[in-house]
Amino acid sequence: KPYYVRLGDGNRKSTQGCCQNLKVQSGPCMIKGDFFLFNLGGVDLILGVAWLATLGKLKQIGRP
């Protein structure tokens, strides 16, 4: 069953599959989760809202 996401530019894209429980390491950071495959051109990886939610409550800086 295809899964759709809405991109920042307003377009919708459907998945080409899912890698479940995949571990991705970038430098000292290890991220484990379900990663959906999309044909987005030159983009290697997008960490979306679901990943951002795993960080918990964030403090906004730079604005009063």
C-alpha atoms as a PDB file:
ATOM      1  CA  LYS A   1       0.000   0.000   0.000  1.00  0.00           C
ATOM      2  CA  PRO A   2       1.571   3.313  -1.015  1.00  0.00           C
ATOM      3  CA  TYR A   3       2.324   5.894   1.632  1.00  0.00           C
ATOM      4  CA  TYR A   4       2.185   9.572   0.716  1.00  0.00           C
ATOM      5  CA  VAL A   5       3.981  12.559   2.197  1.00  0.00           C
ATOM      6  CA  ARG A   6       3.537  16.249   1.542  1.00  0.00           C
ATOM      7  CA  LEU A   7       6.808  17.996   0.812  1.00  0.00           C
ATOM      8  CA  GLY A   8       7.754  21.489   1.891  1.00  0.00           C
ATOM      9  CA  ASP A   9       6.869  22.839  -1.556  1.00  0.00           C
ATOM     10  CA  GLY A  10       3.302  21.475  -1.253  1.00  0.00           C
ATOM     11  CA  ASN A  11       3.742  18.538  -3.642  1.00  0.00           C
ATOM     12  CA  ARG A  12       2.788  14.986  -2.633  1.00  0.00           C
ATOM     13  CA  LYS A  13       5.075  12.029  -3.267  1.00  0.00           C
ATOM     14  CA  SER A  14       4.322   8.326  -2.906  1.00  0.00           C
ATOM     15  CA  THR A  15       6.787   5.820  -1.501  1.00  0.00           C
ATOM     16  CA  GLN A  16       8.678   3.239  -3.490  1.00  0.00           C
ATOM     17  CA  GLY A  17       9.031   1.003  -0.435  1.00  0.00           C
ATOM     18  CA  CYS A  18      10.060   1.009   3.211  1.00  0.00           C
ATOM     19  CA  CYS A  19      13.146  -0.167   5.096  1.00  0.00           C
ATOM     20  CA  GLN A  20      11.975  -1.073   8.587  1.00  0.00           C
ATOM     21  CA  ASN A  21      14.206  -0.772  11.654  1.00  0.00           C
ATOM     22  CA  LEU A  22      17.069   0.557   9.539  1.00  0.00           C
ATOM     23  CA  LYS A  23      20.109   1.976  11.341  1.00  0.00           C
ATOM     24  CA  VAL A  24      21.740   5.019   9.734  1.00  0.00           C
ATOM     25  CA  GLN A  25      24.965   6.450  11.087  1.00  0.00           C
ATOM     26  CA  SER A  26      26.184   9.952  10.306  1.00  0.00           C
ATOM     27  CA  GLY A  27      29.369  10.739  12.184  1.00  0.00           C
ATOM     28  CA  PRO A  28      28.751  10.061  15.868  1.00  0.00           C
ATOM     29  CA  CYS A  29      24.935  10.041  15.452  1.00  0.00           C
ATOM     30  CA  MET A  30      23.026   6.765  15.073  1.00  0.00           C
ATOM     31  CA  ILE A  31      19.389   6.935  13.977  1.00  0.00           C
ATOM     32  CA  LYS A  32      17.167   3.843  13.949  1.00  0.00           C
ATOM     33  CA  GLY A  33      13.717   3.824  12.410  1.00  0.00           C
ATOM     34  CA  ASP A  34      11.522   3.090   9.441  1.00  0.00           C
ATOM     35  CA  PHE A  35      12.763   4.855   6.306  1.00  0.00           C
ATOM     36  CA  PHE A  36      10.524   5.361   3.287  1.00  0.00           C
ATOM     37  CA  LEU A  37      12.076   5.347  -0.169  1.00  0.00           C
ATOM     38  CA  PHE A  38      11.319   8.233  -2.540  1.00  0.00           C
ATOM     39  CA  ASN A  39      12.753   9.442  -5.812  1.00  0.00           C
ATOM     40  CA  LEU A  40      13.639  13.019  -4.839  1.00  0.00           C
ATOM     41  CA  GLY A  41      16.572  13.711  -7.139  1.00  0.00           C
ATOM     42  CA  GLY A  42      19.802  14.760  -5.432  1.00  0.00           C
ATOM     43  CA  VAL A  43      18.524  14.361  -1.857  1.00  0.00           C
ATOM     44  CA  ASP A  44      20.137  11.542   0.147  1.00  0.00           C
ATOM     45  CA  LEU A  45      18.121  11.610   3.377  1.00  0.00           C
ATOM     46  CA  ILE A  46      15.256  13.592   4.878  1.00  0.00           C
ATOM     47  CA  LEU A  47      14.554  13.412   8.595  1.00  0.00           C
ATOM     48  CA  GLY A  48      10.900  14.390   8.864  1.00  0.00           C
ATOM     49  CA  VAL A  49       8.377  15.308  11.503  1.00  0.00           C
ATOM     50  CA  ALA A  50       8.149  11.748  12.900  1.00  0.00           C
ATOM     51  CA  TRP A  51      11.885  11.769  13.631  1.00  0.00           C
ATOM     52  CA  LEU A  52      11.768  15.297  15.005  1.00  0.00           C
ATOM     53  CA  ALA A  53       9.054  14.221  17.473  1.00  0.00           C
ATOM     54  CA  THR A  54      11.448  11.637  18.945  1.00  0.00           C
ATOM     55  CA  LEU A  55      13.628  14.488  20.245  1.00  0.00           C
ATOM     56  CA  GLY A  56      10.932  15.630  22.674  1.00  0.00           C
ATOM     57  CA  LYS A  57      10.176  19.238  23.492  1.00  0.00           C
ATOM     58  CA  LEU A  58      12.714  21.645  22.016  1.00  0.00           C
ATOM     59  CA  LYS A  59      13.549  25.106  23.265  1.00  0.00           C
ATOM     60  CA  GLN A  60      13.185  27.816  20.641  1.00  0.00           C
ATOM     61  CA  ILE A  61      16.212  30.071  20.429  1.00  0.00           C
ATOM     62  CA  GLY A  62      16.863  33.246  18.514  1.00  0.00           C
ATOM     63  CA  ARG A  63      13.397  34.786  19.043  1.00  0.00           C
ATOM     64  CA  PRO A  64      11.874  36.250  22.208  1.00  0.00           C
END
